[in-house]
Amino acid sequence: MNNIEKIPQRLTERRLADAWAELQNHSEQGNPLEADAYRLAFADPEFLLRRETRGIRFQLEMLKPDLDQAELGVESTVVVFGSARFPAPEDAQNSLRQAQLSGDANALALAQRQVRNAHYYDQARLFARLVAGDSMHRRPEERLFIATGGGPGIMEAANRGAHEVGALSVGLNIALPHEQRPNPYVTRSLSFKFHYFALRKMHFMTRAKALVAFPGGFGTLDELFEVITLVQTRKSKPVPIVLFGSAYWKRLINIDAMVEEGVIAAEDLKLFQYVDEPEAAWAVIQRFYGL
């Protein structure tokens, strides 16, 4: 009886695999994909990419990373944001040497700035090591996993720190007009690619138990202020929000002016904290959760 019950399931799985194998063979033979009414709907990329099926694509981008993370026990994360343009110190030094040899003033100025900012890479790397190293010795339900946007710069540094202590880490990458590959330190089975920014942000917040924002550009600001807004409006539970690099953040954003003009309340300043050391950032999270 048990064998009979298993037969339909195996047949179904085979049909799914055959449907995709047919498309793969079609592609490998160099044939352009054309509309095919007889093709199974779930195995028809042309159909799935129609404007009318956008809602289905939303659901798929929500479901796939959620299932994969749950399967590997990733339930709580510390999200690290920051610039994709801050290189590792060793790369910054190499760029500086090349710029000095070239005699190009613009290249030299850029390389000098990269060397100056490369310390943020090291600090993000060390912060991730602290989080991942501590969590590896805790019960599975108490573990915190590093999650980043999966790209280069600060994101790479945080994934690298977790990787160096043998911990899993998540990368939520995004398809952009200029190619962006996942950094090599994201756990392969937790490296995801998104088309929709909104779904990517939702995944950042779904498991986030803390947010640490290193200096960054428009993308970092967008992600940071979305989280602050969600917590401020109580659409999300309170979580530690840490701004790493107080000189950068205070020079960039005059939060006190917002209080003075009445666009935010004075108590909203308690939604985040400034820190300048990896240990201090980790201490904020430890105090919040009593770790």
C-alpha atoms as a PDB file:
ATOM      1  CA  MET A   1       0.000   0.000   0.000  1.00  0.00           C
ATOM      2  CA  ASN A   2       2.805   2.395   0.871  1.00  0.00           C
ATOM      3  CA  ASN A   3       4.491   1.798  -2.479  1.00  0.00           C
ATOM      4  CA  ILE A   4       1.259   2.498  -4.356  1.00  0.00           C
ATOM      5  CA  GLU A   5       0.804   5.779  -2.484  1.00  0.00           C
ATOM      6  CA  LYS A   6       4.294   6.951  -3.452  1.00  0.00           C
ATOM      7  CA  ILE A   7       3.898   6.355  -7.199  1.00  0.00           C
ATOM      8  CA  PRO A   8       1.802   9.473  -8.027  1.00  0.00           C
ATOM      9  CA  GLN A   9       4.258  11.708  -6.149  1.00  0.00           C
ATOM     10  CA  ARG A  10       7.207  10.335  -8.104  1.00  0.00           C
ATOM     11  CA  LEU A  11       5.362  10.764 -11.385  1.00  0.00           C
ATOM     12  CA  THR A  12       4.514  14.358 -10.539  1.00  0.00           C
ATOM     13  CA  GLU A  13       8.116  15.152  -9.657  1.00  0.00           C
ATOM     14  CA  ARG A  14       9.264  13.614 -12.926  1.00  0.00           C
ATOM     15  CA  ARG A  15       6.824  15.700 -14.927  1.00  0.00           C
ATOM     16  CA  LEU A  16       8.084  18.872 -13.262  1.00  0.00           C
ATOM     17  CA  ALA A  17      11.683  17.954 -14.006  1.00  0.00           C
ATOM     18  CA  ASP A  18      10.828  17.003 -17.608  1.00  0.00           C
ATOM     19  CA  ALA A  19       9.115  20.334 -18.199  1.00  0.00           C
ATOM     20  CA  TRP A  20      12.200  22.288 -17.206  1.00  0.00           C
ATOM     21  CA  ALA A  21      14.557  19.874 -18.979  1.00  0.00           C
ATOM     22  CA  GLU A  22      12.634  20.509 -22.191  1.00  0.00           C
ATOM     23  CA  LEU A  23      13.190  24.255 -21.853  1.00  0.00           C
ATOM     24  CA  GLN A  24      16.874  23.763 -21.028  1.00  0.00           C
ATOM     25  CA  ASN A  25      17.433  21.604 -24.102  1.00  0.00           C
ATOM     26  CA  HIS A  26      15.594  24.138 -26.225  1.00  0.00           C
ATOM     27  CA  SER A  27      17.895  26.896 -24.971  1.00  0.00           C
ATOM     28  CA  GLU A  28      21.093  24.882 -25.399  1.00  0.00           C
ATOM     29  CA  GLN A  29      20.196  24.257 -29.028  1.00  0.00           C
ATOM     30  CA  GLY A  30      20.103  28.009 -29.614  1.00  0.00           C
ATOM     31  CA  ASN A  31      16.382  28.155 -30.322  1.00  0.00           C
ATOM     32  CA  PRO A  32      14.544  31.363 -29.347  1.00  0.00           C
ATOM     33  CA  LEU A  33      11.740  30.902 -26.848  1.00  0.00           C
ATOM     34  CA  GLU A  34       8.367  31.420 -28.469  1.00  0.00           C
ATOM     35  CA  ALA A  35       4.868  31.425 -27.056  1.00  0.00           C
ATOM     36  CA  ASP A  36       3.539  27.901 -26.636  1.00  0.00           C
ATOM     37  CA  ALA A  37      -0.025  27.463 -25.456  1.00  0.00           C
ATOM     38  CA  TYR A  38       0.569  23.776 -24.756  1.00  0.00           C
ATOM     39  CA  ARG A  39       3.505  24.368 -22.391  1.00  0.00           C
ATOM     40  CA  LEU A  40       2.751  23.858 -18.685  1.00  0.00           C
ATOM     41  CA  ALA A  41       1.996  27.257 -17.173  1.00  0.00           C
ATOM     42  CA  PHE A  42       4.542  26.943 -14.334  1.00  0.00           C
ATOM     43  CA  ALA A  43       7.230  25.935 -16.846  1.00  0.00           C
ATOM     44  CA  ASP A  44       6.519  28.786 -19.252  1.00  0.00           C
ATOM     45  CA  PRO A  45       8.930  31.692 -18.604  1.00  0.00           C
ATOM     46  CA  GLU A  46       7.219  33.873 -21.191  1.00  0.00           C
ATOM     47  CA  PHE A  47       3.928  33.470 -19.348  1.00  0.00           C
ATOM     48  CA  LEU A  48       5.507  34.023 -15.918  1.00  0.00           C
ATOM     49  CA  LEU A  49       7.104  37.281 -17.120  1.00  0.00           C
ATOM     50  CA  ARG A  50       3.862  38.822 -18.315  1.00  0.00           C
ATOM     51  CA  ARG A  51       2.636  41.981 -16.611  1.00  0.00           C
ATOM     52  CA  GLU A  52      -0.477  40.131 -15.437  1.00  0.00           C
ATOM     53  CA  THR A  53       1.563  37.526 -13.546  1.00  0.00           C
ATOM     54  CA  ARG A  54       3.548  40.062 -11.513  1.00  0.00           C
ATOM     55  CA  GLY A  55       1.654  39.068  -8.367  1.00  0.00           C
ATOM     56  CA  ILE A  56       2.816  35.475  -8.820  1.00  0.00           C
ATOM     57  CA  ARG A  57       6.421  36.666  -9.116  1.00  0.00           C
ATOM     58  CA  PHE A  58       5.982  38.649  -5.889  1.00  0.00           C
ATOM     59  CA  GLN A  59       4.840  35.479  -4.145  1.00  0.00           C
ATOM     60  CA  LEU A  60       7.744  33.451  -5.515  1.00  0.00           C
ATOM     61  CA  GLU A  61      10.336  36.022  -4.409  1.00  0.00           C
ATOM     62  CA  MET A  62       8.777  36.008  -0.972  1.00  0.00           C
ATOM     63  CA  LEU A  63       8.482  32.243  -0.657  1.00  0.00           C
ATOM     64  CA  LYS A  64      11.759  30.875  -2.035  1.00  0.00           C
ATOM     65  CA  PRO A  65      14.215  32.640   0.340  1.00  0.00           C
ATOM     66  CA  ASP A  66      11.838  32.129   3.253  1.00  0.00           C
ATOM     67  CA  LEU A  67      11.701  28.356   2.780  1.00  0.00           C
ATOM     68  CA  ASP A  68      15.443  28.012   2.193  1.00  0.00           C
ATOM     69  CA  GLN A  69      16.370  30.002   5.301  1.00  0.00           C
ATOM     70  CA  ALA A  70      13.890  28.124   7.461  1.00  0.00           C
ATOM     71  CA  GLU A  71      15.287  24.806   6.231  1.00  0.00           C
ATOM     72  CA  LEU A  72      18.784  25.795   7.387  1.00  0.00           C
ATOM     73  CA  GLY A  73      17.572  27.095  10.743  1.00  0.00           C
ATOM     74  CA  VAL A  74      18.069  30.789   9.977  1.00  0.00           C
ATOM     75  CA  GLU A  75      15.324  32.440  12.027  1.00  0.00           C
ATOM     76  CA  SER A  76      17.069  35.501  13.506  1.00  0.00           C
ATOM     77  CA  THR A  77      19.531  37.793  11.743  1.00  0.00           C
ATOM     78  CA  VAL A  78      21.699  40.822  12.337  1.00  0.00           C
ATOM     79  CA  VAL A  79      21.478  42.880   9.169  1.00  0.00           C
ATOM     80  CA  VAL A  80      24.576  44.811   8.098  1.00  0.00           C
ATOM     81  CA  PHE A  81      24.209  47.637   5.575  1.00  0.00           C
ATOM     82  CA  GLY A  82      26.942  49.829   4.118  1.00  0.00           C
ATOM     83  CA  SER A  83      28.738  51.017   1.028  1.00  0.00           C
ATOM     84  CA  ALA A  84      29.573  48.592  -1.768  1.00  0.00           C
ATOM     85  CA  ARG A  85      32.484  50.904  -2.650  1.00  0.00           C
ATOM     86  CA  PHE A  86      34.664  50.451   0.430  1.00  0.00           C
ATOM     87  CA  PRO A  87      37.388  47.930  -0.477  1.00  0.00           C
ATOM     88  CA  ALA A  88      39.336  45.572   1.723  1.00  0.00           C
ATOM     89  CA  PRO A  89      42.484  47.270   3.086  1.00  0.00           C
ATOM     90  CA  GLU A  90      44.778  45.022   1.034  1.00  0.00           C
ATOM     91  CA  ASP A  91      42.908  45.931  -2.159  1.00  0.00           C
ATOM     92  CA  ALA A  92      42.988  49.616  -1.268  1.00  0.00           C
ATOM     93  CA  GLN A  93      46.757  49.485  -0.779  1.00  0.00           C
ATOM     94  CA  ASN A  94      47.215  47.763  -4.150  1.00  0.00           C
ATOM     95  CA  SER A  95      45.135  50.449  -5.840  1.00  0.00           C
ATOM     96  CA  LEU A  96      47.211  53.133  -4.143  1.00  0.00           C
ATOM     97  CA  ARG A  97      50.481  51.634  -5.371  1.00  0.00           C
ATOM     98  CA  GLN A  98      49.164  51.424  -8.925  1.00  0.00           C
ATOM     99  CA  ALA A  99      47.890  55.001  -8.790  1.00  0.00           C
ATOM    100  CA  GLN A 100      51.236  56.263  -7.512  1.00  0.00           C
ATOM    101  CA  LEU A 101      53.010  54.523 -10.389  1.00  0.00           C
ATOM    102  CA  SER A 102      50.560  55.872 -12.964  1.00  0.00           C
ATOM    103  CA  GLY A 103      51.041  59.517 -12.027  1.00  0.00           C
ATOM    104  CA  ASP A 104      47.314  60.106 -12.596  1.00  0.00           C
ATOM    105  CA  ALA A 105      46.181  62.741 -10.084  1.00  0.00           C
ATOM    106  CA  ASN A 106      42.521  61.692 -10.186  1.00  0.00           C
ATOM    107  CA  ALA A 107      43.391  58.017  -9.728  1.00  0.00           C
ATOM    108  CA  LEU A 108      45.680  58.918  -6.839  1.00  0.00           C
ATOM    109  CA  ALA A 109      42.979  60.972  -5.088  1.00  0.00           C
ATOM    110  CA  LEU A 110      40.499  58.101  -5.477  1.00  0.00           C
ATOM    111  CA  ALA A 111      43.006  55.549  -4.164  1.00  0.00           C
ATOM    112  CA  GLN A 112      43.847  57.702  -1.164  1.00  0.00           C
ATOM    113  CA  ARG A 113      40.161  57.997  -0.314  1.00  0.00           C
ATOM    114  CA  GLN A 114      39.749  54.230  -0.611  1.00  0.00           C
ATOM    115  CA  VAL A 115      42.649  53.676   1.782  1.00  0.00           C
ATOM    116  CA  ARG A 116      41.060  56.121   4.222  1.00  0.00           C
ATOM    117  CA  ASN A 117      37.698  54.338   4.118  1.00  0.00           C
ATOM    118  CA  ALA A 118      39.026  50.782   4.062  1.00  0.00           C
ATOM    119  CA  HIS A 119      39.097  50.668   7.856  1.00  0.00           C
ATOM    120  CA  TYR A 120      35.298  50.406   7.772  1.00  0.00           C
ATOM    121  CA  TYR A 121      35.709  47.117   5.896  1.00  0.00           C
ATOM    122  CA  ASP A 122      37.900  45.754   8.685  1.00  0.00           C
ATOM    123  CA  GLN A 123      35.471  46.948  11.349  1.00  0.00           C
ATOM    124  CA  ALA A 124      32.468  45.337   9.628  1.00  0.00           C
ATOM    125  CA  ARG A 125      34.456  42.128   9.299  1.00  0.00           C
ATOM    126  CA  LEU A 126      35.356  42.127  12.993  1.00  0.00           C
ATOM    127  CA  PHE A 127      31.795  42.964  14.044  1.00  0.00           C
ATOM    128  CA  ALA A 128      30.469  39.991  12.073  1.00  0.00           C
ATOM    129  CA  ARG A 129      33.075  37.724  13.653  1.00  0.00           C
ATOM    130  CA  LEU A 130      31.887  38.795  17.105  1.00  0.00           C
ATOM    131  CA  VAL A 131      28.229  38.092  16.316  1.00  0.00           C
ATOM    132  CA  ALA A 132      28.792  34.822  14.485  1.00  0.00           C
ATOM    133  CA  GLY A 133      31.406  33.539  16.918  1.00  0.00           C
ATOM    134  CA  ASP A 134      29.140  34.099  19.911  1.00  0.00           C
ATOM    135  CA  SER A 135      26.067  32.649  18.253  1.00  0.00           C
ATOM    136  CA  MET A 136      27.758  29.423  17.197  1.00  0.00           C
ATOM    137  CA  HIS A 137      27.945  28.380  20.857  1.00  0.00           C
ATOM    138  CA  ARG A 138      24.281  29.054  21.580  1.00  0.00           C
ATOM    139  CA  ARG A 139      21.213  26.872  21.225  1.00  0.00           C
ATOM    140  CA  PRO A 140      19.832  26.866  17.667  1.00  0.00           C
ATOM    141  CA  GLU A 141      16.824  28.982  18.612  1.00  0.00           C
ATOM    142  CA  GLU A 142      19.108  31.660  20.129  1.00  0.00           C
ATOM    143  CA  ARG A 143      21.537  32.007  17.229  1.00  0.00           C
ATOM    144  CA  LEU A 144      21.949  35.225  15.277  1.00  0.00           C
ATOM    145  CA  PHE A 145      23.086  35.032  11.658  1.00  0.00           C
ATOM    146  CA  ILE A 146      24.726  37.808   9.664  1.00  0.00           C
ATOM    147  CA  ALA A 147      22.637  38.999   6.704  1.00  0.00           C
ATOM    148  CA  THR A 148      23.763  41.508   4.086  1.00  0.00           C
ATOM    149  CA  GLY A 149      22.882  42.676   0.604  1.00  0.00           C
ATOM    150  CA  GLY A 150      25.305  40.062  -0.661  1.00  0.00           C
ATOM    151  CA  GLY A 151      27.464  42.431  -2.697  1.00  0.00           C
ATOM    152  CA  PRO A 152      30.974  43.862  -2.341  1.00  0.00           C
ATOM    153  CA  GLY A 153      32.393  46.384   0.138  1.00  0.00           C
ATOM    154  CA  ILE A 154      30.862  46.433   3.613  1.00  0.00           C
ATOM    155  CA  MET A 155      28.518  43.596   2.654  1.00  0.00           C
ATOM    156  CA  GLU A 156      31.437  41.396   1.671  1.00  0.00           C
ATOM    157  CA  ALA A 157      33.280  42.297   4.867  1.00  0.00           C
ATOM    158  CA  ALA A 158      30.397  41.175   7.083  1.00  0.00           C
ATOM    159  CA  ASN A 159      29.852  37.923   5.201  1.00  0.00           C
ATOM    160  CA  ARG A 160      33.608  37.370   5.316  1.00  0.00           C
ATOM    161  CA  GLY A 161      33.739  37.775   9.082  1.00  0.00           C
ATOM    162  CA  ALA A 162      31.020  35.159   9.557  1.00  0.00           C
ATOM    163  CA  HIS A 163      32.679  32.843   7.038  1.00  0.00           C
ATOM    164  CA  GLU A 164      36.016  33.057   8.868  1.00  0.00           C
ATOM    165  CA  VAL A 165      34.545  31.553  12.030  1.00  0.00           C
ATOM    166  CA  GLY A 166      32.699  28.860  10.100  1.00  0.00           C
ATOM    167  CA  ALA A 167      29.198  30.326  10.439  1.00  0.00           C
ATOM    168  CA  LEU A 168      26.402  30.496   7.894  1.00  0.00           C
ATOM    169  CA  SER A 169      25.543  33.950   6.541  1.00  0.00           C
ATOM    170  CA  VAL A 170      22.847  35.308   4.241  1.00  0.00           C
ATOM    171  CA  GLY A 171      23.183  37.425   1.094  1.00  0.00           C
ATOM    172  CA  LEU A 172      20.119  39.146  -0.384  1.00  0.00           C
ATOM    173  CA  ASN A 173      21.406  40.423  -3.704  1.00  0.00           C
ATOM    174  CA  ILE A 174      19.525  42.514  -6.255  1.00  0.00           C
ATOM    175  CA  ALA A 175      19.505  42.443 -10.055  1.00  0.00           C
ATOM    176  CA  LEU A 176      20.847  45.811 -11.239  1.00  0.00           C
ATOM    177  CA  PRO A 177      21.525  47.370 -14.673  1.00  0.00           C
ATOM    178  CA  HIS A 178      25.248  47.096 -13.935  1.00  0.00           C
ATOM    179  CA  GLU A 179      26.153  43.533 -13.117  1.00  0.00           C
ATOM    180  CA  GLN A 180      26.555  42.733  -9.435  1.00  0.00           C
ATOM    181  CA  ARG A 181      27.744  39.314  -8.378  1.00  0.00           C
ATOM    182  CA  PRO A 182      27.367  37.855  -4.889  1.00  0.00           C
ATOM    183  CA  ASN A 183      30.538  38.118  -2.863  1.00  0.00           C
ATOM    184  CA  PRO A 184      32.409  34.826  -2.334  1.00  0.00           C
ATOM    185  CA  TYR A 185      31.797  34.680   1.429  1.00  0.00           C
ATOM    186  CA  VAL A 186      28.002  34.337   1.427  1.00  0.00           C
ATOM    187  CA  THR A 187      26.891  30.801   2.224  1.00  0.00           C
ATOM    188  CA  ARG A 188      26.069  29.382  -1.193  1.00  0.00           C
ATOM    189  CA  SER A 189      22.714  27.917  -0.179  1.00  0.00           C
ATOM    190  CA  LEU A 190      21.752  31.271   1.412  1.00  0.00           C
ATOM    191  CA  SER A 191      22.731  33.484  -1.535  1.00  0.00           C
ATOM    192  CA  PHE A 192      19.554  34.896  -3.067  1.00  0.00           C
ATOM    193  CA  LYS A 193      18.901  37.204  -6.000  1.00  0.00           C
ATOM    194  CA  PHE A 194      15.905  39.548  -6.176  1.00  0.00           C
ATOM    195  CA  HIS A 195      14.252  41.529  -8.918  1.00  0.00           C
ATOM    196  CA  TYR A 196      12.011  43.587  -6.628  1.00  0.00           C
ATOM    197  CA  PHE A 197      13.554  45.937  -4.078  1.00  0.00           C
ATOM    198  CA  ALA A 198      10.361  45.808  -2.009  1.00  0.00           C
ATOM    199  CA  LEU A 199      10.527  42.029  -1.566  1.00  0.00           C
ATOM    200  CA  ARG A 200      14.221  42.200  -0.765  1.00  0.00           C
ATOM    201  CA  LYS A 201      13.566  44.773   1.960  1.00  0.00           C
ATOM    202  CA  MET A 202      10.777  42.646   3.352  1.00  0.00           C
ATOM    203  CA  HIS A 203      13.183  39.730   3.705  1.00  0.00           C
ATOM    204  CA  PHE A 204      15.701  41.936   5.494  1.00  0.00           C
ATOM    205  CA  MET A 205      13.082  42.840   8.091  1.00  0.00           C
ATOM    206  CA  THR A 206      11.321  39.475   8.388  1.00  0.00           C
ATOM    207  CA  ARG A 207      14.135  37.923  10.429  1.00  0.00           C
ATOM    208  CA  ALA A 208      16.053  41.018  11.573  1.00  0.00           C
ATOM    209  CA  LYS A 209      16.773  41.252  15.282  1.00  0.00           C
ATOM    210  CA  ALA A 210      19.164  44.190  14.795  1.00  0.00           C
ATOM    211  CA  LEU A 211      20.382  46.558  12.098  1.00  0.00           C
ATOM    212  CA  VAL A 212      23.923  47.928  11.869  1.00  0.00           C
ATOM    213  CA  ALA A 213      24.411  50.623   9.215  1.00  0.00           C
ATOM    214  CA  PHE A 214      27.964  51.467   8.191  1.00  0.00           C
ATOM    215  CA  PRO A 215      28.659  54.554   6.050  1.00  0.00           C
ATOM    216  CA  GLY A 216      27.052  54.219   2.656  1.00  0.00           C
ATOM    217  CA  GLY A 217      25.216  55.929  -0.167  1.00  0.00           C
ATOM    218  CA  PHE A 218      21.639  56.156  -1.399  1.00  0.00           C
ATOM    219  CA  GLY A 219      20.973  52.432  -1.008  1.00  0.00           C
ATOM    220  CA  THR A 220      22.176  52.398   2.597  1.00  0.00           C
ATOM    221  CA  LEU A 221      20.128  55.494   3.417  1.00  0.00           C
ATOM    222  CA  ASP A 222      17.038  54.023   1.779  1.00  0.00           C
ATOM    223  CA  GLU A 223      17.300  50.802   3.770  1.00  0.00           C
ATOM    224  CA  LEU A 224      18.202  52.563   7.031  1.00  0.00           C
ATOM    225  CA  PHE A 225      15.331  55.043   6.989  1.00  0.00           C
ATOM    226  CA  GLU A 226      12.816  52.410   5.962  1.00  0.00           C
ATOM    227  CA  VAL A 227      13.722  50.405   9.078  1.00  0.00           C
ATOM    228  CA  ILE A 228      13.648  53.495  11.321  1.00  0.00           C
ATOM    229  CA  THR A 229      10.237  54.441   9.889  1.00  0.00           C
ATOM    230  CA  LEU A 230       8.826  50.954  10.425  1.00  0.00           C
ATOM    231  CA  VAL A 231       9.948  50.965  14.057  1.00  0.00           C
ATOM    232  CA  GLN A 232       8.837  54.565  14.635  1.00  0.00           C
ATOM    233  CA  THR A 233       5.349  53.851  13.279  1.00  0.00           C
ATOM    234  CA  ARG A 234       5.198  50.505  15.135  1.00  0.00           C
ATOM    235  CA  LYS A 235       4.782  48.566  11.923  1.00  0.00           C
ATOM    236  CA  SER A 236       7.780  46.587  13.135  1.00  0.00           C
ATOM    237  CA  LYS A 237       8.860  45.498  16.591  1.00  0.00           C
ATOM    238  CA  PRO A 238      11.622  47.595  18.188  1.00  0.00           C
ATOM    239  CA  VAL A 239      15.096  46.355  17.276  1.00  0.00           C
ATOM    240  CA  PRO A 240      18.538  47.826  17.955  1.00  0.00           C
ATOM    241  CA  ILE A 241      19.457  50.249  15.163  1.00  0.00           C
ATOM    242  CA  VAL A 242      23.147  51.088  15.205  1.00  0.00           C
ATOM    243  CA  LEU A 243      24.821  53.804  13.132  1.00  0.00           C
ATOM    244  CA  PHE A 244      28.469  52.821  12.844  1.00  0.00           C
ATOM    245  CA  GLY A 245      30.846  55.747  12.311  1.00  0.00           C
ATOM    246  CA  SER A 246      29.431  58.664  14.262  1.00  0.00           C
ATOM    247  CA  ALA A 247      31.518  61.301  12.459  1.00  0.00           C
ATOM    248  CA  TYR A 248      30.156  60.214   9.087  1.00  0.00           C
ATOM    249  CA  TRP A 249      26.516  60.008  10.136  1.00  0.00           C
ATOM    250  CA  LYS A 250      26.472  63.257  12.100  1.00  0.00           C
ATOM    251  CA  ARG A 251      28.131  65.100   9.212  1.00  0.00           C
ATOM    252  CA  LEU A 252      25.728  63.591   6.713  1.00  0.00           C
ATOM    253  CA  ILE A 253      22.417  64.020   8.572  1.00  0.00           C
ATOM    254  CA  ASN A 254      21.550  66.724  11.064  1.00  0.00           C
ATOM    255  CA  ILE A 255      18.981  64.804  13.095  1.00  0.00           C
ATOM    256  CA  ASP A 256      18.894  67.511  15.756  1.00  0.00           C
ATOM    257  CA  ALA A 257      17.615  69.957  13.119  1.00  0.00           C
ATOM    258  CA  MET A 258      14.691  67.623  12.487  1.00  0.00           C
ATOM    259  CA  VAL A 259      13.795  67.757  16.179  1.00  0.00           C
ATOM    260  CA  GLU A 260      14.175  71.547  16.251  1.00  0.00           C
ATOM    261  CA  GLU A 261      11.830  71.898  13.280  1.00  0.00           C
ATOM    262  CA  GLY A 262       9.316  69.533  14.844  1.00  0.00           C
ATOM    263  CA  VAL A 263       9.296  66.984  12.013  1.00  0.00           C
ATOM    264  CA  ILE A 264      10.258  64.240  14.465  1.00  0.00           C
ATOM    265  CA  ALA A 265       9.851  63.987  18.229  1.00  0.00           C
ATOM    266  CA  ALA A 266      12.781  64.217  20.617  1.00  0.00           C
ATOM    267  CA  GLU A 267      12.044  60.665  21.758  1.00  0.00           C
ATOM    268  CA  ASP A 268      12.650  59.438  18.198  1.00  0.00           C
ATOM    269  CA  LEU A 269      16.354  60.002  18.826  1.00  0.00           C
ATOM    270  CA  LYS A 270      16.210  56.909  21.032  1.00  0.00           C
ATOM    271  CA  LEU A 271      15.402  54.742  18.013  1.00  0.00           C
ATOM    272  CA  PHE A 272      19.086  54.481  17.083  1.00  0.00           C
ATOM    273  CA  GLN A 273      22.568  54.743  18.586  1.00  0.00           C
ATOM    274  CA  TYR A 274      25.945  55.885  17.274  1.00  0.00           C
ATOM    275  CA  VAL A 275      29.015  53.698  17.771  1.00  0.00           C
ATOM    276  CA  ASP A 276      32.596  53.708  16.539  1.00  0.00           C
ATOM    277  CA  GLU A 277      33.913  50.274  17.521  1.00  0.00           C
ATOM    278  CA  PRO A 278      32.794  46.746  16.577  1.00  0.00           C
ATOM    279  CA  GLU A 279      32.683  45.733  20.244  1.00  0.00           C
ATOM    280  CA  ALA A 280      30.404  48.670  21.026  1.00  0.00           C
ATOM    281  CA  ALA A 281      28.007  47.739  18.233  1.00  0.00           C
ATOM    282  CA  TRP A 282      27.798  44.166  19.493  1.00  0.00           C
ATOM    283  CA  ALA A 283      27.361  45.389  23.083  1.00  0.00           C
ATOM    284  CA  VAL A 284      24.276  47.405  22.045  1.00  0.00           C
ATOM    285  CA  ILE A 285      22.650  44.236  20.708  1.00  0.00           C
ATOM    286  CA  GLN A 286      23.720  42.143  23.692  1.00  0.00           C
ATOM    287  CA  ARG A 287      22.220  44.648  26.152  1.00  0.00           C
ATOM    288  CA  PHE A 288      18.957  44.854  24.209  1.00  0.00           C
ATOM    289  CA  TYR A 289      18.427  41.069  24.318  1.00  0.00           C
ATOM    290  CA  GLY A 290      20.219  40.299  27.563  1.00  0.00           C
ATOM    291  CA  LEU A 291      22.782  38.064  25.853  1.00  0.00           C
END
